[in-house]
Amino acid sequence: TCAICLENLDATEAVSRSKKCGHCYHQGCIEDLIQYSARKSPYGLLHGTTCPLCRR
């Protein structure tokens, strides 16, 4: 299950896994989240992005 959209992950889809917590995401979901975080934070990506499920 994608930790962002909560839909099932398909073996044919591009998937990313967090090195910190091991949660998985659709590639498109994590890219959208990172872009959103970079726009919202005054520090951009330097501030870092945490897992939306466990915040690690």
PDB file of N, CA and C in Angstrom:
ATOM      1  N   THR A   1       0.837  -1.183   0.000  1.00  0.00           N
ATOM      2  CA  THR A   1       0.000   0.000   0.000  1.00  0.00           C
ATOM      3  C   THR A   1       0.880   1.243   0.000  1.00  0.00           C
ATOM      4  N   CYS A   2       0.564   2.191  -0.840  1.00  0.00           N
ATOM      5  CA  CYS A   2       1.289   3.464  -0.897  1.00  0.00           C
ATOM      6  C   CYS A   2       0.987   4.255   0.377  1.00  0.00           C
ATOM      7  N   ALA A   3       2.033   4.724   1.063  1.00  0.00           N
ATOM      8  CA  ALA A   3       1.865   5.467   2.312  1.00  0.00           C
ATOM      9  C   ALA A   3       1.289   6.862   2.093  1.00  0.00           C
ATOM     10  N   ILE A   4       1.157   7.294   0.845  1.00  0.00           N
ATOM     11  CA  ILE A   4       0.624   8.626   0.558  1.00  0.00           C
ATOM     12  C   ILE A   4      -0.834   8.545   0.116  1.00  0.00           C
ATOM     13  N   CYS A   5      -1.111   7.795  -0.948  1.00  0.00           N
ATOM     14  CA  CYS A   5      -2.483   7.735  -1.474  1.00  0.00           C
ATOM     15  C   CYS A   5      -3.268   6.544  -0.922  1.00  0.00           C
ATOM     16  N   LEU A   6      -2.584   5.633  -0.249  1.00  0.00           N
ATOM     17  CA  LEU A   6      -3.171   4.451   0.387  1.00  0.00           C
ATOM     18  C   LEU A   6      -3.764   3.446  -0.595  1.00  0.00           C
ATOM     19  N   GLU A   7      -3.408   3.563  -1.875  1.00  0.00           N
ATOM     20  CA  GLU A   7      -3.835   2.575  -2.866  1.00  0.00           C
ATOM     21  C   GLU A   7      -2.797   1.464  -2.939  1.00  0.00           C
ATOM     22  N   ASN A   8      -3.215   0.311  -3.431  1.00  0.00           N
ATOM     23  CA  ASN A   8      -2.305  -0.822  -3.549  1.00  0.00           C
ATOM     24  C   ASN A   8      -1.190  -0.532  -4.540  1.00  0.00           C
ATOM     25  N   LEU A   9      -0.014  -1.070  -4.250  1.00  0.00           N
ATOM     26  CA  LEU A   9       1.127  -0.960  -5.151  1.00  0.00           C
ATOM     27  C   LEU A   9       1.097  -2.145  -6.099  1.00  0.00           C
ATOM     28  N   ASP A  10       1.233  -1.877  -7.371  1.00  0.00           N
ATOM     29  CA  ASP A  10       1.217  -2.901  -8.406  1.00  0.00           C
ATOM     30  C   ASP A  10       2.654  -3.205  -8.806  1.00  0.00           C
ATOM     31  N   ALA A  11       2.953  -4.451  -9.090  1.00  0.00           N
ATOM     32  CA  ALA A  11       4.314  -4.858  -9.465  1.00  0.00           C
ATOM     33  C   ALA A  11       4.792  -4.179 -10.745  1.00  0.00           C
ATOM     34  N   THR A  12       3.874  -3.668 -11.549  1.00  0.00           N
ATOM     35  CA  THR A  12       4.262  -3.019 -12.805  1.00  0.00           C
ATOM     36  C   THR A  12       4.500  -1.515 -12.643  1.00  0.00           C
ATOM     37  N   GLU A  13       4.223  -0.962 -11.458  1.00  0.00           N
ATOM     38  CA  GLU A  13       4.365   0.475 -11.221  1.00  0.00           C
ATOM     39  C   GLU A  13       5.744   0.808 -10.653  1.00  0.00           C
ATOM     40  N   ALA A  14       6.186   2.036 -10.900  1.00  0.00           N
ATOM     41  CA  ALA A  14       7.427   2.527 -10.299  1.00  0.00           C
ATOM     42  C   ALA A  14       7.150   2.816  -8.825  1.00  0.00           C
ATOM     43  N   VAL A  15       7.983   2.241  -7.952  1.00  0.00           N
ATOM     44  CA  VAL A  15       7.784   2.358  -6.509  1.00  0.00           C
ATOM     45  C   VAL A  15       9.069   2.845  -5.855  1.00  0.00           C
ATOM     46  N   SER A  16       8.926   3.688  -4.835  1.00  0.00           N
ATOM     47  CA  SER A  16      10.061   4.136  -4.032  1.00  0.00           C
ATOM     48  C   SER A  16       9.861   3.647  -2.611  1.00  0.00           C
ATOM     49  N   ARG A  17      10.987   3.346  -1.927  1.00  0.00           N
ATOM     50  CA  ARG A  17      10.933   2.895  -0.537  1.00  0.00           C
ATOM     51  C   ARG A  17      11.798   3.826   0.300  1.00  0.00           C
ATOM     52  N   SER A  18      11.281   4.252   1.442  1.00  0.00           N
ATOM     53  CA  SER A  18      12.028   5.110   2.352  1.00  0.00           C
ATOM     54  C   SER A  18      13.168   4.318   2.990  1.00  0.00           C
ATOM     55  N   LYS A  19      14.362   4.897   2.982  1.00  0.00           N
ATOM     56  CA  LYS A  19      15.503   4.246   3.632  1.00  0.00           C
ATOM     57  C   LYS A  19      15.384   4.325   5.149  1.00  0.00           C
ATOM     58  N   LYS A  20      14.705   5.333   5.654  1.00  0.00           N
ATOM     59  CA  LYS A  20      14.590   5.537   7.102  1.00  0.00           C
ATOM     60  C   LYS A  20      13.583   4.602   7.761  1.00  0.00           C
ATOM     61  N   CYS A  21      12.419   4.390   7.111  1.00  0.00           N
ATOM     62  CA  CYS A  21      11.356   3.626   7.762  1.00  0.00           C
ATOM     63  C   CYS A  21      10.888   2.412   6.970  1.00  0.00           C
ATOM     64  N   GLY A  22      11.222   2.358   5.682  1.00  0.00           N
ATOM     65  CA  GLY A  22      10.830   1.219   4.863  1.00  0.00           C
ATOM     66  C   GLY A  22       9.455   1.322   4.220  1.00  0.00           C
ATOM     67  N   HIS A  23       8.715   2.406   4.474  1.00  0.00           N
ATOM     68  CA  HIS A  23       7.414   2.560   3.832  1.00  0.00           C
ATOM     69  C   HIS A  23       7.594   2.769   2.331  1.00  0.00           C
ATOM     70  N   CYS A  24       6.613   2.303   1.565  1.00  0.00           N
ATOM     71  CA  CYS A  24       6.673   2.375   0.101  1.00  0.00           C
ATOM     72  C   CYS A  24       5.673   3.392  -0.434  1.00  0.00           C
ATOM     73  N   TYR A  25       6.017   3.954  -1.594  1.00  0.00           N
ATOM     74  CA  TYR A  25       5.190   4.970  -2.231  1.00  0.00           C
ATOM     75  C   TYR A  25       5.195   4.750  -3.735  1.00  0.00           C
ATOM     76  N   HIS A  26       4.110   5.158  -4.396  1.00  0.00           N
ATOM     77  CA  HIS A  26       4.153   5.264  -5.852  1.00  0.00           C
ATOM     78  C   HIS A  26       5.175   6.351  -6.171  1.00  0.00           C
ATOM     79  N   GLN A  27       5.953   6.170  -7.203  1.00  0.00           N
ATOM     80  CA  GLN A  27       6.966   7.153  -7.584  1.00  0.00           C
ATOM     81  C   GLN A  27       6.335   8.534  -7.799  1.00  0.00           C
ATOM     82  N   GLY A  28       5.204   8.574  -8.475  1.00  0.00           N
ATOM     83  CA  GLY A  28       4.528   9.847  -8.725  1.00  0.00           C
ATOM     84  C   GLY A  28       4.039  10.513  -7.445  1.00  0.00           C
ATOM     85  N   CYS A  29       3.571   9.725  -6.492  1.00  0.00           N
ATOM     86  CA  CYS A  29       3.087  10.285  -5.223  1.00  0.00           C
ATOM     87  C   CYS A  29       4.221  10.945  -4.449  1.00  0.00           C
ATOM     88  N   ILE A  30       5.375  10.282  -4.347  1.00  0.00           N
ATOM     89  CA  ILE A  30       6.482  10.846  -3.576  1.00  0.00           C
ATOM     90  C   ILE A  30       7.077  12.052  -4.293  1.00  0.00           C
ATOM     91  N   GLU A  31       7.121  12.027  -5.615  1.00  0.00           N
ATOM     92  CA  GLU A  31       7.622  13.189  -6.357  1.00  0.00           C
ATOM     93  C   GLU A  31       6.723  14.400  -6.129  1.00  0.00           C
ATOM     94  N   ASP A  32       5.412  14.194  -6.158  1.00  0.00           N
ATOM     95  CA  ASP A  32       4.473  15.292  -5.901  1.00  0.00           C
ATOM     96  C   ASP A  32       4.631  15.829  -4.481  1.00  0.00           C
ATOM     97  N   LEU A  33       4.804  14.939  -3.506  1.00  0.00           N
ATOM     98  CA  LEU A  33       4.970  15.356  -2.116  1.00  0.00           C
ATOM     99  C   LEU A  33       6.251  16.170  -1.932  1.00  0.00           C
ATOM    100  N   ILE A  34       7.338  15.735  -2.549  1.00  0.00           N
ATOM    101  CA  ILE A  34       8.610  16.455  -2.436  1.00  0.00           C
ATOM    102  C   ILE A  34       8.494  17.836  -3.073  1.00  0.00           C
ATOM    103  N   GLN A  35       7.863  17.922  -4.233  1.00  0.00           N
ATOM    104  CA  GLN A  35       7.680  19.223  -4.890  1.00  0.00           C
ATOM    105  C   GLN A  35       6.810  20.146  -4.039  1.00  0.00           C
ATOM    106  N   TYR A  36       5.752  19.610  -3.472  1.00  0.00           N
ATOM    107  CA  TYR A  36       4.873  20.403  -2.610  1.00  0.00           C
ATOM    108  C   TYR A  36       5.643  20.900  -1.386  1.00  0.00           C
ATOM    109  N   SER A  37       6.417  20.017  -0.755  1.00  0.00           N
ATOM    110  CA  SER A  37       7.194  20.391   0.429  1.00  0.00           C
ATOM    111  C   SER A  37       8.224  21.461   0.105  1.00  0.00           C
ATOM    112  N   ALA A  38       8.847  21.359  -1.059  1.00  0.00           N
ATOM    113  CA  ALA A  38       9.859  22.338  -1.462  1.00  0.00           C
ATOM    114  C   ALA A  38       9.231  23.714  -1.677  1.00  0.00           C
ATOM    115  N   ARG A  39       8.027  23.752  -2.218  1.00  0.00           N
ATOM    116  CA  ARG A  39       7.341  25.033  -2.434  1.00  0.00           C
ATOM    117  C   ARG A  39       6.853  25.634  -1.118  1.00  0.00           C
ATOM    118  N   LYS A  40       6.420  24.794  -0.202  1.00  0.00           N
ATOM    119  CA  LYS A  40       5.824  25.257   1.051  1.00  0.00           C
ATOM    120  C   LYS A  40       6.873  25.719   2.061  1.00  0.00           C
ATOM    121  N   SER A  41       8.018  25.069   2.102  1.00  0.00           N
ATOM    122  CA  SER A  41       9.048  25.375   3.089  1.00  0.00           C
ATOM    123  C   SER A  41       9.939  26.518   2.618  1.00  0.00           C
ATOM    124  N   PRO A  42      10.233  27.470   3.503  1.00  0.00           N
ATOM    125  CA  PRO A  42      11.154  28.547   3.116  1.00  0.00           C
ATOM    126  C   PRO A  42      12.574  28.036   2.909  1.00  0.00           C
ATOM    127  N   TYR A  43      12.870  26.846   3.410  1.00  0.00           N
ATOM    128  CA  TYR A  43      14.199  26.252   3.281  1.00  0.00           C
ATOM    129  C   TYR A  43      14.315  25.339   2.070  1.00  0.00           C
ATOM    130  N   GLY A  44      13.231  25.146   1.338  1.00  0.00           N
ATOM    131  CA  GLY A  44      13.239  24.248   0.188  1.00  0.00           C
ATOM    132  C   GLY A  44      13.512  22.821   0.624  1.00  0.00           C
ATOM    133  N   LEU A  45      14.235  22.078  -0.187  1.00  0.00           N
ATOM    134  CA  LEU A  45      14.515  20.679   0.123  1.00  0.00           C
ATOM    135  C   LEU A  45      15.584  20.515   1.188  1.00  0.00           C
ATOM    136  N   LEU A  46      16.298  21.575   1.549  1.00  0.00           N
ATOM    137  CA  LEU A  46      17.320  21.470   2.586  1.00  0.00           C
ATOM    138  C   LEU A  46      16.714  21.082   3.927  1.00  0.00           C
ATOM    139  N   HIS A  47      15.456  21.448   4.133  1.00  0.00           N
ATOM    140  CA  HIS A  47      14.777  21.123   5.384  1.00  0.00           C
ATOM    141  C   HIS A  47      14.491  19.628   5.477  1.00  0.00           C
ATOM    142  N   GLY A  48      14.362  18.952   4.358  1.00  0.00           N
ATOM    143  CA  GLY A  48      14.111  17.512   4.341  1.00  0.00           C
ATOM    144  C   GLY A  48      12.631  17.188   4.254  1.00  0.00           C
ATOM    145  N   THR A  49      12.354  16.005   3.794  1.00  0.00           N
ATOM    146  CA  THR A  49      10.989  15.516   3.690  1.00  0.00           C
ATOM    147  C   THR A  49      10.874  14.262   4.537  1.00  0.00           C
ATOM    148  N   THR A  50       9.866  14.199   5.380  1.00  0.00           N
ATOM    149  CA  THR A  50       9.667  13.035   6.233  1.00  0.00           C
ATOM    150  C   THR A  50       8.575  12.146   5.647  1.00  0.00           C
ATOM    151  N   CYS A  51       8.531  10.916   6.110  1.00  0.00           N
ATOM    152  CA  CYS A  51       7.496   9.983   5.681  1.00  0.00           C
ATOM    153  C   CYS A  51       6.138  10.539   6.112  1.00  0.00           C
ATOM    154  N   PRO A  52       5.170  10.615   5.203  1.00  0.00           N
ATOM    155  CA  PRO A  52       3.859  11.153   5.565  1.00  0.00           C
ATOM    156  C   PRO A  52       3.075  10.234   6.494  1.00  0.00           C
ATOM    157  N   LEU A  53       3.512   8.990   6.621  1.00  0.00           N
ATOM    158  CA  LEU A  53       2.803   8.041   7.464  1.00  0.00           C
ATOM    159  C   LEU A  53       3.342   8.027   8.891  1.00  0.00           C
ATOM    160  N   CYS A  54       4.672   7.939   9.048  1.00  0.00           N
ATOM    161  CA  CYS A  54       5.251   7.812  10.391  1.00  0.00           C
ATOM    162  C   CYS A  54       6.105   9.006  10.802  1.00  0.00           C
ATOM    163  N   ARG A  55       6.330   9.954   9.891  1.00  0.00           N
ATOM    164  CA  ARG A  55       7.095  11.190  10.128  1.00  0.00           C
ATOM    165  C   ARG A  55       8.575  10.963  10.432  1.00  0.00           C
ATOM    166  N   ARG A  56       9.112   9.826  10.040  1.00  0.00           N
ATOM    167  CA  ARG A  56      10.563   9.600  10.201  1.00  0.00           C
ATOM    168  C   ARG A  56      11.290  10.149   9.019  1.00  0.00           C
TER     169      ARG A  56
END
